[in-house]
C-alpha atoms as a PDB file:
ATOM      1  CA  UNK A   1      18.231   4.539  -8.190  1.00  0.00           C
ATOM      2  CA  UNK A   2      15.288   3.383 -10.268  1.00  0.00           C
ATOM      3  CA  UNK A   3      12.255   4.936 -11.936  1.00  0.00           C
ATOM      4  CA  UNK A   4       8.833   3.328 -12.357  1.00  0.00           C
ATOM      5  CA  UNK A   5       5.971   4.584 -14.533  1.00  0.00           C
ATOM      6  CA  UNK A   6       2.376   3.438 -14.834  1.00  0.00           C
ATOM      7  CA  UNK A   7      -1.085   4.753 -15.636  1.00  0.00           C
ATOM      8  CA  UNK A   8      -4.754   3.793 -15.904  1.00  0.00           C
ATOM      9  CA  UNK A   9      -7.383   5.169 -18.262  1.00  0.00           C
ATOM     10  CA  UNK A  10     -10.245   7.115 -16.632  1.00  0.00           C
ATOM     11  CA  UNK A  11     -12.940   5.198 -18.502  1.00  0.00           C
ATOM     12  CA  UNK A  12     -15.517   2.928 -16.951  1.00  0.00           C
ATOM     13  CA  UNK A  13     -15.894   2.184 -13.264  1.00  0.00           C
ATOM     14  CA  UNK A  14     -12.796   0.718 -11.627  1.00  0.00           C
ATOM     15  CA  UNK A  15     -13.196  -2.886 -10.603  1.00  0.00           C
ATOM     16  CA  UNK A  16     -11.836  -5.072  -7.858  1.00  0.00           C
ATOM     17  CA  UNK A  17      -9.591  -6.519 -10.573  1.00  0.00           C
ATOM     18  CA  UNK A  18      -8.087  -3.091 -11.268  1.00  0.00           C
ATOM     19  CA  UNK A  19      -7.495  -2.626  -7.562  1.00  0.00           C
ATOM     20  CA  UNK A  20      -6.023  -6.038  -6.739  1.00  0.00           C
ATOM     21  CA  UNK A  21      -4.157  -6.388 -10.011  1.00  0.00           C
ATOM     22  CA  UNK A  22      -2.702  -2.889 -10.249  1.00  0.00           C
ATOM     23  CA  UNK A  23      -3.487  -0.216  -7.667  1.00  0.00           C
ATOM     24  CA  UNK A  24      -2.855  -2.354  -4.579  1.00  0.00           C
ATOM     25  CA  UNK A  25       0.414  -3.438  -6.135  1.00  0.00           C
ATOM     26  CA  UNK A  26       1.329   0.231  -6.669  1.00  0.00           C
ATOM     27  CA  UNK A  27       0.788   0.852  -2.962  1.00  0.00           C
ATOM     28  CA  UNK A  28       3.057  -2.080  -2.115  1.00  0.00           C
ATOM     29  CA  UNK A  29       5.667  -0.859  -4.612  1.00  0.00           C
ATOM     30  CA  UNK A  30       5.739   2.670  -3.225  1.00  0.00           C
ATOM     31  CA  UNK A  31       6.678   1.265   0.152  1.00  0.00           C
ATOM     32  CA  UNK A  32       9.739  -0.465  -1.318  1.00  0.00           C
ATOM     33  CA  UNK A  33      11.163   2.706  -2.852  1.00  0.00           C
ATOM     34  CA  UNK A  34      14.544   3.847  -1.656  1.00  0.00           C
ATOM     35  CA  UNK A  35      16.006   7.348  -1.537  1.00  0.00           C
ATOM     36  CA  UNK A  36      16.381   8.681  -5.071  1.00  0.00           C
ATOM     37  CA  UNK A  37      13.810   6.329  -6.590  1.00  0.00           C
ATOM     38  CA  UNK A  38      10.874   7.816  -8.513  1.00  0.00           C
ATOM     39  CA  UNK A  39       7.412   6.401  -9.182  1.00  0.00           C
ATOM     40  CA  UNK A  40       5.252   8.336 -11.675  1.00  0.00           C
ATOM     41  CA  UNK A  41       1.563   7.370 -11.706  1.00  0.00           C
ATOM     42  CA  UNK A  42      -0.646   9.145 -14.208  1.00  0.00           C
ATOM     43  CA  UNK A  43      -4.276   9.239 -15.283  1.00  0.00           C
ATOM     44  CA  UNK A  44      -4.207   8.411 -18.979  1.00  0.00           C
ATOM     45  CA  UNK A  45      -6.879  10.745 -20.337  1.00  0.00           C
ATOM     46  CA  UNK A  46      -5.126  11.099 -23.711  1.00  0.00           C
ATOM     47  CA  UNK A  47      -5.466   7.353 -24.175  1.00  0.00           C
ATOM     48  CA  UNK A  48      -9.135   7.541 -23.210  1.00  0.00           C
ATOM     49  CA  UNK A  49      -9.981   9.782 -26.189  1.00  0.00           C
ATOM     50  CA  UNK A  50      -8.823   7.253 -28.796  1.00  0.00           C
ATOM     51  CA  UNK A  51     -12.559   6.504 -28.828  1.00  0.00           C
ATOM     52  CA  UNK A  52     -15.303   9.158 -28.428  1.00  0.00           C
ATOM     53  CA  UNK A  53     -15.998  10.329 -24.866  1.00  0.00           C
ATOM     54  CA  UNK A  54     -18.618  12.637 -23.375  1.00  0.00           C
ATOM     55  CA  UNK A  55     -16.488  15.601 -22.206  1.00  0.00           C
ATOM     56  CA  UNK A  56     -18.243  16.255 -18.889  1.00  0.00           C
ATOM     57  CA  UNK A  57     -18.202  12.570 -17.994  1.00  0.00           C
ATOM     58  CA  UNK A  58     -14.520  12.254 -18.877  1.00  0.00           C
ATOM     59  CA  UNK A  59     -13.635  15.313 -16.784  1.00  0.00           C
ATOM     60  CA  UNK A  60     -15.473  13.881 -13.777  1.00  0.00           C
ATOM     61  CA  UNK A  61     -13.938  10.458 -14.324  1.00  0.00           C
ATOM     62  CA  UNK A  62     -10.417  11.893 -14.270  1.00  0.00           C
ATOM     63  CA  UNK A  63     -10.979  13.508 -10.885  1.00  0.00           C
ATOM     64  CA  UNK A  64     -12.743  10.422  -9.555  1.00  0.00           C
ATOM     65  CA  UNK A  65      -9.858   8.179 -10.566  1.00  0.00           C
ATOM     66  CA  UNK A  66      -7.346  10.482  -8.887  1.00  0.00           C
ATOM     67  CA  UNK A  67      -9.395  10.310  -5.699  1.00  0.00           C
ATOM     68  CA  UNK A  68      -9.543   6.516  -5.934  1.00  0.00           C
ATOM     69  CA  UNK A  69      -5.763   6.295  -6.284  1.00  0.00           C
ATOM     70  CA  UNK A  70      -5.250   8.329  -3.125  1.00  0.00           C
ATOM     71  CA  UNK A  71      -8.045   6.580  -1.241  1.00  0.00           C
ATOM     72  CA  UNK A  72      -6.436   3.227  -2.043  1.00  0.00           C
ATOM     73  CA  UNK A  73      -3.277   4.328  -0.281  1.00  0.00           C
ATOM     74  CA  UNK A  74      -1.009   5.970  -2.821  1.00  0.00           C
ATOM     75  CA  UNK A  75       1.046   8.516  -0.914  1.00  0.00           C
ATOM     76  CA  UNK A  76       1.904  11.760  -2.780  1.00  0.00           C
ATOM     77  CA  UNK A  77       5.003  12.052  -0.615  1.00  0.00           C
ATOM     78  CA  UNK A  78       6.300   8.816  -2.146  1.00  0.00           C
ATOM     79  CA  UNK A  79       4.866   8.858  -5.676  1.00  0.00           C
ATOM     80  CA  UNK A  80       4.062  11.517  -8.265  1.00  0.00           C
ATOM     81  CA  UNK A  81       0.380  11.499  -9.247  1.00  0.00           C
ATOM     82  CA  UNK A  82      -0.692  13.619 -12.208  1.00  0.00           C
ATOM     83  CA  UNK A  83      -3.003  13.897 -15.199  1.00  0.00           C
ATOM     84  CA  UNK A  84      -1.373  12.913 -18.489  1.00  0.00           C
ATOM     85  CA  UNK A  85      -2.825  15.724 -20.612  1.00  0.00           C
ATOM     86  CA  UNK A  86      -1.596  18.372 -18.147  1.00  0.00           C
ATOM     87  CA  UNK A  87       1.996  17.434 -18.989  1.00  0.00           C
ATOM     88  CA  UNK A  88       2.033  18.350 -22.669  1.00  0.00           C
ATOM     89  CA  UNK A  89       5.391  16.668 -23.274  1.00  0.00           C
ATOM     90  CA  UNK A  90       3.544  13.325 -23.360  1.00  0.00           C
ATOM     91  CA  UNK A  91       1.797  14.203 -26.611  1.00  0.00           C
ATOM     92  CA  UNK A  92       4.940  15.727 -28.099  1.00  0.00           C
ATOM     93  CA  UNK A  93       7.197  12.763 -27.362  1.00  0.00           C
ATOM     94  CA  UNK A  94       4.417  10.464 -28.566  1.00  0.00           C
ATOM     95  CA  UNK A  95       4.596  12.159 -31.957  1.00  0.00           C
ATOM     96  CA  UNK A  96       8.391  12.080 -32.066  1.00  0.00           C
ATOM     97  CA  UNK A  97       8.305   8.350 -31.364  1.00  0.00           C
ATOM     98  CA  UNK A  98       5.879   7.916 -34.280  1.00  0.00           C
ATOM     99  CA  UNK A  99       8.664   9.040 -36.599  1.00  0.00           C
ATOM    100  CA  UNK A 100      10.618   5.878 -35.770  1.00  0.00           C
ATOM    101  CA  UNK A 101       7.600   3.536 -35.560  1.00  0.00           C
ATOM    102  CA  UNK A 102       6.385   1.323 -38.389  1.00  0.00           C
ATOM    103  CA  UNK A 103       2.789   0.798 -39.482  1.00  0.00           C
ATOM    104  CA  UNK A 104       3.291  -2.964 -39.630  1.00  0.00           C
ATOM    105  CA  UNK A 105       4.349  -3.318 -36.001  1.00  0.00           C
ATOM    106  CA  UNK A 106       1.377  -1.217 -34.865  1.00  0.00           C
ATOM    107  CA  UNK A 107      -1.119  -3.208 -36.928  1.00  0.00           C
ATOM    108  CA  UNK A 108       0.123  -6.387 -35.261  1.00  0.00           C
ATOM    109  CA  UNK A 109      -0.896  -5.167 -31.802  1.00  0.00           C
ATOM    110  CA  UNK A 110      -3.467  -7.571 -30.383  1.00  0.00           C
ATOM    111  CA  UNK A 111      -5.463  -4.880 -28.591  1.00  0.00           C
ATOM    112  CA  UNK A 112      -5.657  -2.817 -31.783  1.00  0.00           C
ATOM    113  CA  UNK A 113      -7.087  -5.788 -33.657  1.00  0.00           C
ATOM    114  CA  UNK A 114      -9.632  -6.440 -30.907  1.00  0.00           C
ATOM    115  CA  UNK A 115     -10.748  -2.830 -30.585  1.00  0.00           C
ATOM    116  CA  UNK A 116     -10.904  -2.301 -34.343  1.00  0.00           C
ATOM    117  CA  UNK A 117     -13.425  -5.118 -34.643  1.00  0.00           C
ATOM    118  CA  UNK A 118     -15.673  -3.438 -32.069  1.00  0.00           C
ATOM    119  CA  UNK A 119     -15.763  -0.062 -33.831  1.00  0.00           C
ATOM    120  CA  UNK A 120     -18.978   0.618 -35.715  1.00  0.00           C
ATOM    121  CA  UNK A 121     -18.298   4.066 -37.188  1.00  0.00           C
ATOM    122  CA  UNK A 122     -14.726   3.846 -38.384  1.00  0.00           C
ATOM    123  CA  UNK A 123     -11.386   3.526 -36.664  1.00  0.00           C
ATOM    124  CA  UNK A 124      -9.464   6.608 -35.525  1.00  0.00           C
ATOM    125  CA  UNK A 125      -5.772   6.841 -36.332  1.00  0.00           C
ATOM    126  CA  UNK A 126      -5.177   7.348 -32.609  1.00  0.00           C
ATOM    127  CA  UNK A 127      -6.415   3.825 -31.939  1.00  0.00           C
ATOM    128  CA  UNK A 128      -3.586   2.570 -34.131  1.00  0.00           C
ATOM    129  CA  UNK A 129      -0.878   4.836 -32.740  1.00  0.00           C
ATOM    130  CA  UNK A 130      -1.717   4.921 -29.039  1.00  0.00           C
ATOM    131  CA  UNK A 131       0.893   2.232 -28.227  1.00  0.00           C
ATOM    132  CA  UNK A 132       3.476   4.761 -29.432  1.00  0.00           C
ATOM    133  CA  UNK A 133       2.015   7.367 -27.095  1.00  0.00           C
ATOM    134  CA  UNK A 134       2.256   4.737 -24.367  1.00  0.00           C
ATOM    135  CA  UNK A 135       5.914   4.295 -25.242  1.00  0.00           C
ATOM    136  CA  UNK A 136       6.334   8.063 -24.940  1.00  0.00           C
ATOM    137  CA  UNK A 137       4.650   7.976 -21.526  1.00  0.00           C
ATOM    138  CA  UNK A 138       7.277   5.526 -20.314  1.00  0.00           C
ATOM    139  CA  UNK A 139      10.370   6.884 -22.056  1.00  0.00           C
ATOM    140  CA  UNK A 140       9.604  10.462 -21.027  1.00  0.00           C
ATOM    141  CA  UNK A 141      10.672   9.557 -17.474  1.00  0.00           C
ATOM    142  CA  UNK A 142      13.419   7.137 -18.526  1.00  0.00           C
ATOM    143  CA  UNK A 143      11.705   4.346 -16.637  1.00  0.00           C
ATOM    144  CA  UNK A 144      13.622   1.256 -15.577  1.00  0.00           C
ATOM    145  CA  UNK A 145      10.508  -0.708 -14.692  1.00  0.00           C
ATOM    146  CA  UNK A 146       6.843  -0.642 -15.722  1.00  0.00           C
ATOM    147  CA  UNK A 147       4.237  -2.464 -13.636  1.00  0.00           C
ATOM    148  CA  UNK A 148       2.093  -4.201 -16.275  1.00  0.00           C
ATOM    149  CA  UNK A 149      -0.519  -6.894 -16.591  1.00  0.00           C
ATOM    150  CA  UNK A 150      -0.139  -9.791 -18.986  1.00  0.00           C
ATOM    151  CA  UNK A 151      -2.294  -7.983 -21.572  1.00  0.00           C
ATOM    152  CA  UNK A 152       0.128  -5.034 -21.723  1.00  0.00           C
ATOM    153  CA  UNK A 153       3.355  -6.978 -22.243  1.00  0.00           C
ATOM    154  CA  UNK A 154       3.124  -6.591 -26.030  1.00  0.00           C
ATOM    155  CA  UNK A 155       2.911  -2.810 -25.725  1.00  0.00           C
ATOM    156  CA  UNK A 156       5.898  -2.715 -23.407  1.00  0.00           C
ATOM    157  CA  UNK A 157       7.841  -4.797 -25.907  1.00  0.00           C
ATOM    158  CA  UNK A 158       7.136  -2.092 -28.506  1.00  0.00           C
ATOM    159  CA  UNK A 159       8.428   0.503 -26.030  1.00  0.00           C
ATOM    160  CA  UNK A 160      11.610  -1.493 -25.577  1.00  0.00           C
ATOM    161  CA  UNK A 161      12.036  -1.768 -29.362  1.00  0.00           C
ATOM    162  CA  UNK A 162      11.536   1.974 -29.839  1.00  0.00           C
ATOM    163  CA  UNK A 163      14.012   2.803 -27.067  1.00  0.00           C
ATOM    164  CA  UNK A 164      16.635   0.570 -28.662  1.00  0.00           C
ATOM    165  CA  UNK A 165      15.862   1.941 -32.135  1.00  0.00           C
ATOM    166  CA  UNK A 166      16.200   5.553 -30.961  1.00  0.00           C
ATOM    167  CA  UNK A 167      19.420   4.795 -29.086  1.00  0.00           C
ATOM    168  CA  UNK A 168      20.862   3.104 -32.159  1.00  0.00           C
ATOM    169  CA  UNK A 169      19.860   5.903 -34.508  1.00  0.00           C
ATOM    170  CA  UNK A 170      20.584   8.954 -32.378  1.00  0.00           C
ATOM    171  CA  UNK A 171      22.977   7.684 -29.644  1.00  0.00           C
ATOM    172  CA  UNK A 172      22.301   6.347 -26.158  1.00  0.00           C
ATOM    173  CA  UNK A 173      19.346   8.242 -24.698  1.00  0.00           C
ATOM    174  CA  UNK A 174      16.728   6.008 -23.114  1.00  0.00           C
ATOM    175  CA  UNK A 175      16.750   3.203 -20.595  1.00  0.00           C
ATOM    176  CA  UNK A 176      15.233   0.040 -22.049  1.00  0.00           C
ATOM    177  CA  UNK A 177      12.436  -0.584 -19.513  1.00  0.00           C
ATOM    178  CA  UNK A 178      11.626  -3.980 -18.049  1.00  0.00           C
ATOM    179  CA  UNK A 179       8.179  -5.293 -17.100  1.00  0.00           C
ATOM    180  CA  UNK A 180       7.286  -5.649 -13.453  1.00  0.00           C
ATOM    181  CA  UNK A 181       4.538  -8.277 -13.328  1.00  0.00           C
ATOM    182  CA  UNK A 182       2.937  -9.081 -10.008  1.00  0.00           C
ATOM    183  CA  UNK A 183       2.014 -12.663  -9.176  1.00  0.00           C
ATOM    184  CA  UNK A 184      -0.860 -12.999  -6.680  1.00  0.00           C
ATOM    185  CA  UNK A 185      -3.947 -11.077  -7.691  1.00  0.00           C
ATOM    186  CA  UNK A 186      -2.456 -10.031 -11.004  1.00  0.00           C
ATOM    187  CA  UNK A 187      -5.434 -11.378 -12.936  1.00  0.00           C
ATOM    188  CA  UNK A 188      -8.914 -11.347 -11.418  1.00  0.00           C
ATOM    189  CA  UNK A 189     -11.516 -13.050 -13.565  1.00  0.00           C
ATOM    190  CA  UNK A 190     -15.150 -12.273 -14.349  1.00  0.00           C
ATOM    191  CA  UNK A 191     -17.648 -13.501 -11.760  1.00  0.00           C
ATOM    192  CA  UNK A 192     -19.976 -14.692 -14.507  1.00  0.00           C
ATOM    193  CA  UNK A 193     -17.427 -16.097 -16.947  1.00  0.00           C
ATOM    194  CA  UNK A 194     -14.299 -16.989 -14.947  1.00  0.00           C
ATOM    195  CA  UNK A 195     -12.427 -17.889 -18.116  1.00  0.00           C
ATOM    196  CA  UNK A 196     -12.303 -14.169 -18.965  1.00  0.00           C
ATOM    197  CA  UNK A 197     -10.608 -11.307 -17.161  1.00  0.00           C
ATOM    198  CA  UNK A 198     -12.760  -9.039 -14.978  1.00  0.00           C
ATOM    199  CA  UNK A 199     -13.173  -5.924 -17.085  1.00  0.00           C
ATOM    200  CA  UNK A 200     -14.624  -2.499 -16.346  1.00  0.00           C
ATOM    201  CA  UNK A 201     -15.944  -2.496 -19.928  1.00  0.00           C
ATOM    202  CA  UNK A 202     -17.983  -5.677 -19.408  1.00  0.00           C
ATOM    203  CA  UNK A 203     -21.651  -4.833 -20.159  1.00  0.00           C
ATOM    204  CA  UNK A 204     -22.804  -7.400 -17.572  1.00  0.00           C
ATOM    205  CA  UNK A 205     -22.539  -5.515 -14.270  1.00  0.00           C
ATOM    206  CA  UNK A 206     -22.792  -8.570 -12.047  1.00  0.00           C
ATOM    207  CA  UNK A 207     -19.616  -9.930 -13.624  1.00  0.00           C
ATOM    208  CA  UNK A 208     -17.633  -7.242 -11.769  1.00  0.00           C
ATOM    209  CA  UNK A 209     -17.185  -5.889  -8.288  1.00  0.00           C
ATOM    210  CA  UNK A 210     -16.772  -2.138  -8.629  1.00  0.00           C
ATOM    211  CA  UNK A 211     -14.669  -0.278  -6.076  1.00  0.00           C
ATOM    212  CA  UNK A 212     -17.587   1.935  -5.109  1.00  0.00           C
ATOM    213  CA  UNK A 213     -20.192  -0.847  -4.863  1.00  0.00           C
ATOM    214  CA  UNK A 214     -22.057  -0.876  -1.537  1.00  0.00           C
ATOM    215  CA  UNK A 215     -22.022  -3.837   0.842  1.00  0.00           C
ATOM    216  CA  UNK A 216     -25.358  -5.295  -0.269  1.00  0.00           C
ATOM    217  CA  UNK A 217     -24.358  -5.171  -3.935  1.00  0.00           C
ATOM    218  CA  UNK A 218     -21.021  -6.877  -3.245  1.00  0.00           C
ATOM    219  CA  UNK A 219     -22.670  -9.696  -1.305  1.00  0.00           C
ATOM    220  CA  UNK A 220     -25.281 -10.182  -4.022  1.00  0.00           C
ATOM    221  CA  UNK A 221     -22.695 -10.338  -6.808  1.00  0.00           C
ATOM    222  CA  UNK A 222     -20.465 -12.817  -4.974  1.00  0.00           C
ATOM    223  CA  UNK A 223     -23.450 -15.000  -4.065  1.00  0.00           C
ATOM    224  CA  UNK A 224     -24.345 -15.216  -7.767  1.00  0.00           C
ATOM    225  CA  UNK A 225     -20.765 -15.832  -8.934  1.00  0.00           C
ATOM    226  CA  UNK A 226     -20.496 -18.810 -11.288  1.00  0.00           C
ATOM    227  CA  UNK A 227     -18.760 -21.833  -9.749  1.00  0.00           C
ATOM    228  CA  UNK A 228     -19.478 -25.540 -10.390  1.00  0.00           C
ATOM    229  CA  UNK A 229     -21.552 -28.366  -8.968  1.00  0.00           C
ATOM    230  CA  UNK A 230     -19.053 -30.699  -7.279  1.00  0.00           C
ATOM    231  CA  UNK A 231     -18.950 -28.750  -4.004  1.00  0.00           C
ATOM    232  CA  UNK A 232     -15.195 -29.106  -3.478  1.00  0.00           C
ATOM    233  CA  UNK A 233     -13.112 -26.022  -2.713  1.00  0.00           C
ATOM    234  CA  UNK A 234      -9.777 -26.492  -4.440  1.00  0.00           C
ATOM    235  CA  UNK A 235      -7.495 -24.353  -6.565  1.00  0.00           C
ATOM    236  CA  UNK A 236      -7.789 -25.627 -10.143  1.00  0.00           C
ATOM    237  CA  UNK A 237      -8.000 -22.748 -12.670  1.00  0.00           C
ATOM    238  CA  UNK A 238      -8.580 -25.141 -15.583  1.00  0.00           C
ATOM    239  CA  UNK A 239     -11.309 -27.382 -14.214  1.00  0.00           C
ATOM    240  CA  UNK A 240     -12.690 -25.112 -11.462  1.00  0.00           C
ATOM    241  CA  UNK A 241     -12.073 -21.547 -12.714  1.00  0.00           C
ATOM    242  CA  UNK A 242     -14.881 -19.992 -10.655  1.00  0.00           C
ATOM    243  CA  UNK A 243     -13.666 -21.344  -7.310  1.00  0.00           C
ATOM    244  CA  UNK A 244     -10.046 -20.636  -8.280  1.00  0.00           C
ATOM    245  CA  UNK A 245     -10.987 -17.015  -8.999  1.00  0.00           C
ATOM    246  CA  UNK A 246     -12.745 -16.609  -5.640  1.00  0.00           C
ATOM    247  CA  UNK A 247      -9.735 -18.145  -3.886  1.00  0.00           C
ATOM    248  CA  UNK A 248      -7.467 -15.667  -5.673  1.00  0.00           C
ATOM    249  CA  UNK A 249      -9.686 -12.775  -4.583  1.00  0.00           C
ATOM    250  CA  UNK A 250      -9.813 -14.002  -0.985  1.00  0.00           C
ATOM    251  CA  UNK A 251      -6.053 -14.499  -0.889  1.00  0.00           C
ATOM    252  CA  UNK A 252      -5.372 -11.052  -2.355  1.00  0.00           C
ATOM    253  CA  UNK A 253      -7.716  -9.290   0.080  1.00  0.00           C
ATOM    254  CA  UNK A 254      -6.679 -11.179   3.224  1.00  0.00           C
ATOM    255  CA  UNK A 255      -3.017 -11.864   2.295  1.00  0.00           C
ATOM    256  CA  UNK A 256      -3.524 -15.509   3.302  1.00  0.00           C
ATOM    257  CA  UNK A 257      -1.805 -17.942   0.864  1.00  0.00           C
ATOM    258  CA  UNK A 258      -4.160 -19.892  -1.373  1.00  0.00           C
ATOM    259  CA  UNK A 259      -3.004 -23.291  -0.085  1.00  0.00           C
ATOM    260  CA  UNK A 260      -3.866 -22.239   3.469  1.00  0.00           C
ATOM    261  CA  UNK A 261      -7.308 -21.104   2.331  1.00  0.00           C
ATOM    262  CA  UNK A 262      -7.914 -24.407   0.543  1.00  0.00           C
ATOM    263  CA  UNK A 263      -7.093 -26.238   3.755  1.00  0.00           C
ATOM    264  CA  UNK A 264      -9.274 -23.910   5.816  1.00  0.00           C
ATOM    265  CA  UNK A 265     -12.328 -24.414   3.605  1.00  0.00           C
ATOM    266  CA  UNK A 266     -11.849 -28.084   2.697  1.00  0.00           C
ATOM    267  CA  UNK A 267     -14.998 -29.045   4.632  1.00  0.00           C
ATOM    268  CA  UNK A 268     -17.011 -25.878   3.949  1.00  0.00           C
ATOM    269  CA  UNK A 269     -19.848 -25.511   1.477  1.00  0.00           C
ATOM    270  CA  UNK A 270     -19.867 -22.976  -1.333  1.00  0.00           C
ATOM    271  CA  UNK A 271     -22.399 -20.733   0.415  1.00  0.00           C
ATOM    272  CA  UNK A 272     -20.189 -20.310   3.502  1.00  0.00           C
ATOM    273  CA  UNK A 273     -17.097 -19.815   1.359  1.00  0.00           C
ATOM    274  CA  UNK A 274     -18.779 -17.171  -0.811  1.00  0.00           C
ATOM    275  CA  UNK A 275     -20.045 -15.329   2.253  1.00  0.00           C
ATOM    276  CA  UNK A 276     -16.491 -15.102   3.600  1.00  0.00           C
ATOM    277  CA  UNK A 277     -15.188 -13.890   0.235  1.00  0.00           C
ATOM    278  CA  UNK A 278     -17.834 -11.161   0.166  1.00  0.00           C
ATOM    279  CA  UNK A 279     -17.025 -10.133   3.741  1.00  0.00           C
ATOM    280  CA  UNK A 280     -13.318  -9.882   2.926  1.00  0.00           C
ATOM    281  CA  UNK A 281     -14.065  -7.653  -0.074  1.00  0.00           C
ATOM    282  CA  UNK A 282     -16.351  -5.406   1.988  1.00  0.00           C
ATOM    283  CA  UNK A 283     -13.688  -5.053   4.688  1.00  0.00           C
ATOM    284  CA  UNK A 284     -11.113  -4.164   2.042  1.00  0.00           C
ATOM    285  CA  UNK A 285     -13.234  -1.569   0.259  1.00  0.00           C
ATOM    286  CA  UNK A 286     -15.066   0.208   3.108  1.00  0.00           C
ATOM    287  CA  UNK A 287     -12.134   2.412   4.220  1.00  0.00           C
ATOM    288  CA  UNK A 288     -11.306   3.151   0.590  1.00  0.00           C
ATOM    289  CA  UNK A 289     -14.840   4.347  -0.080  1.00  0.00           C
ATOM    290  CA  UNK A 290     -14.861   6.513   3.052  1.00  0.00           C
ATOM    291  CA  UNK A 291     -11.562   8.178   2.105  1.00  0.00           C
ATOM    292  CA  UNK A 292     -12.725   8.637  -1.499  1.00  0.00           C
ATOM    293  CA  UNK A 293     -15.853  10.532  -0.435  1.00  0.00           C
ATOM    294  CA  UNK A 294     -13.773  12.685   1.894  1.00  0.00           C
ATOM    295  CA  UNK A 295     -11.281  13.634  -0.836  1.00  0.00           C
ATOM    296  CA  UNK A 296     -13.987  14.797  -3.232  1.00  0.00           C
ATOM    297  CA  UNK A 297     -15.180  17.352  -0.672  1.00  0.00           C
ATOM    298  CA  UNK A 298     -11.850  19.094  -0.062  1.00  0.00           C
ATOM    299  CA  UNK A 299      -9.089  20.966  -1.922  1.00  0.00           C
ATOM    300  CA  UNK A 300      -6.580  18.231  -1.058  1.00  0.00           C
ATOM    301  CA  UNK A 301      -7.111  16.355  -4.325  1.00  0.00           C
ATOM    302  CA  UNK A 302      -6.424  19.394  -6.526  1.00  0.00           C
ATOM    303  CA  UNK A 303      -3.370  20.278  -4.451  1.00  0.00           C
ATOM    304  CA  UNK A 304      -1.901  16.814  -5.001  1.00  0.00           C
ATOM    305  CA  UNK A 305      -2.598  16.930  -8.747  1.00  0.00           C
ATOM    306  CA  UNK A 306      -1.091  20.405  -9.069  1.00  0.00           C
ATOM    307  CA  UNK A 307       2.087  19.312  -7.289  1.00  0.00           C
ATOM    308  CA  UNK A 308       2.260  16.168  -9.396  1.00  0.00           C
ATOM    309  CA  UNK A 309       1.903  18.155 -12.616  1.00  0.00           C
ATOM    310  CA  UNK A 310       4.764  20.456 -11.683  1.00  0.00           C
ATOM    311  CA  UNK A 311       7.131  17.657 -10.725  1.00  0.00           C
ATOM    312  CA  UNK A 312       6.286  15.492 -13.751  1.00  0.00           C
ATOM    313  CA  UNK A 313       6.686  18.489 -16.064  1.00  0.00           C
ATOM    314  CA  UNK A 314      10.153  19.184 -14.693  1.00  0.00           C
ATOM    315  CA  UNK A 315      11.349  15.663 -15.512  1.00  0.00           C
ATOM    316  CA  UNK A 316       9.500  15.562 -18.837  1.00  0.00           C
ATOM    317  CA  UNK A 317      10.954  18.850 -20.103  1.00  0.00           C
ATOM    318  CA  UNK A 318      14.503  17.659 -19.484  1.00  0.00           C
ATOM    319  CA  UNK A 319      13.962  14.432 -21.415  1.00  0.00           C
ATOM    320  CA  UNK A 320      12.132  16.090 -24.297  1.00  0.00           C
ATOM    321  CA  UNK A 321      14.821  18.746 -24.720  1.00  0.00           C
ATOM    322  CA  UNK A 322      17.484  16.048 -24.927  1.00  0.00           C
ATOM    323  CA  UNK A 323      15.446  14.069 -27.491  1.00  0.00           C
ATOM    324  CA  UNK A 324      14.755  17.070 -29.687  1.00  0.00           C
ATOM    325  CA  UNK A 325      18.377  18.150 -29.615  1.00  0.00           C
ATOM    326  CA  UNK A 326      19.518  14.695 -30.721  1.00  0.00           C
ATOM    327  CA  UNK A 327      16.926  14.658 -33.510  1.00  0.00           C
ATOM    328  CA  UNK A 328      18.124  18.062 -34.750  1.00  0.00           C
ATOM    329  CA  UNK A 329      14.914  20.004 -34.163  1.00  0.00           C
ATOM    330  CA  UNK A 330      16.208  22.610 -31.728  1.00  0.00           C
ATOM    331  CA  UNK A 331      18.025  25.723 -32.944  1.00  0.00           C
ATOM    332  CA  UNK A 332      20.566  25.426 -30.129  1.00  0.00           C
END
């Protein structure tokens, strides 16, 4: 039996990169689960508020993200989908983990350094400590594996360190989780600067395909994607990052290996190739968008989130009680 845990923040509009690099992989993972396995997928709204959010927009974004998860194919009969803040044990274990965390190891976090430089009105303490909350998110369900992108490996390493530190100090309690990093489609790059990862926080909208973009917008963005001038379709991320990125997208949406695509398009021009990439994206996203709009009109979404909250809370309470007892902060 194994347990997997993962989550995505409900900030910004989800991109094709989020879908191909994470959500689509979650769907594939859920179909490999065996009897007794658990897969907890949560909407990380507590992480979202490490920087100021507009409350009404955040509330809507949480529900929208839940609908996207389900529309993309996550099956509530196979996974547990819930909202992080509705399971209060996340915040409590996050604090308890802070008691065995060190300021120095948090200040060394690359994402903290990057985000700190972008703050204009001061840095919240939560921005420094949120990797510890992330560790709590994972350890609360005693995860064996955590699906992560390359940019999250450092945070998972902190989680592993904290699990080992707690086990050493208070006796064996937590599994030491391992990363589960997908290969194909794990890193989709910006359409305008293919040396950088496609990001939902990118201020340049045409650098991203958003999951809810309409067909005309998708075709326009792919047509304007940065490539090169030699006209050869080959997979070379160093010298031809734009074409390599489009090949990765096409492979991830059609499930055709990149080498087969290179052979297929060896005599094609960039315009034809881009048109096919756009068509593949449209075909991938159309049913997702239809299901998304359907979910927002019914009670089904709230029913799934309510069930997920109850199941996650059951597991979380058991872990938290064990942790508090070992730390000596329960009367019995």
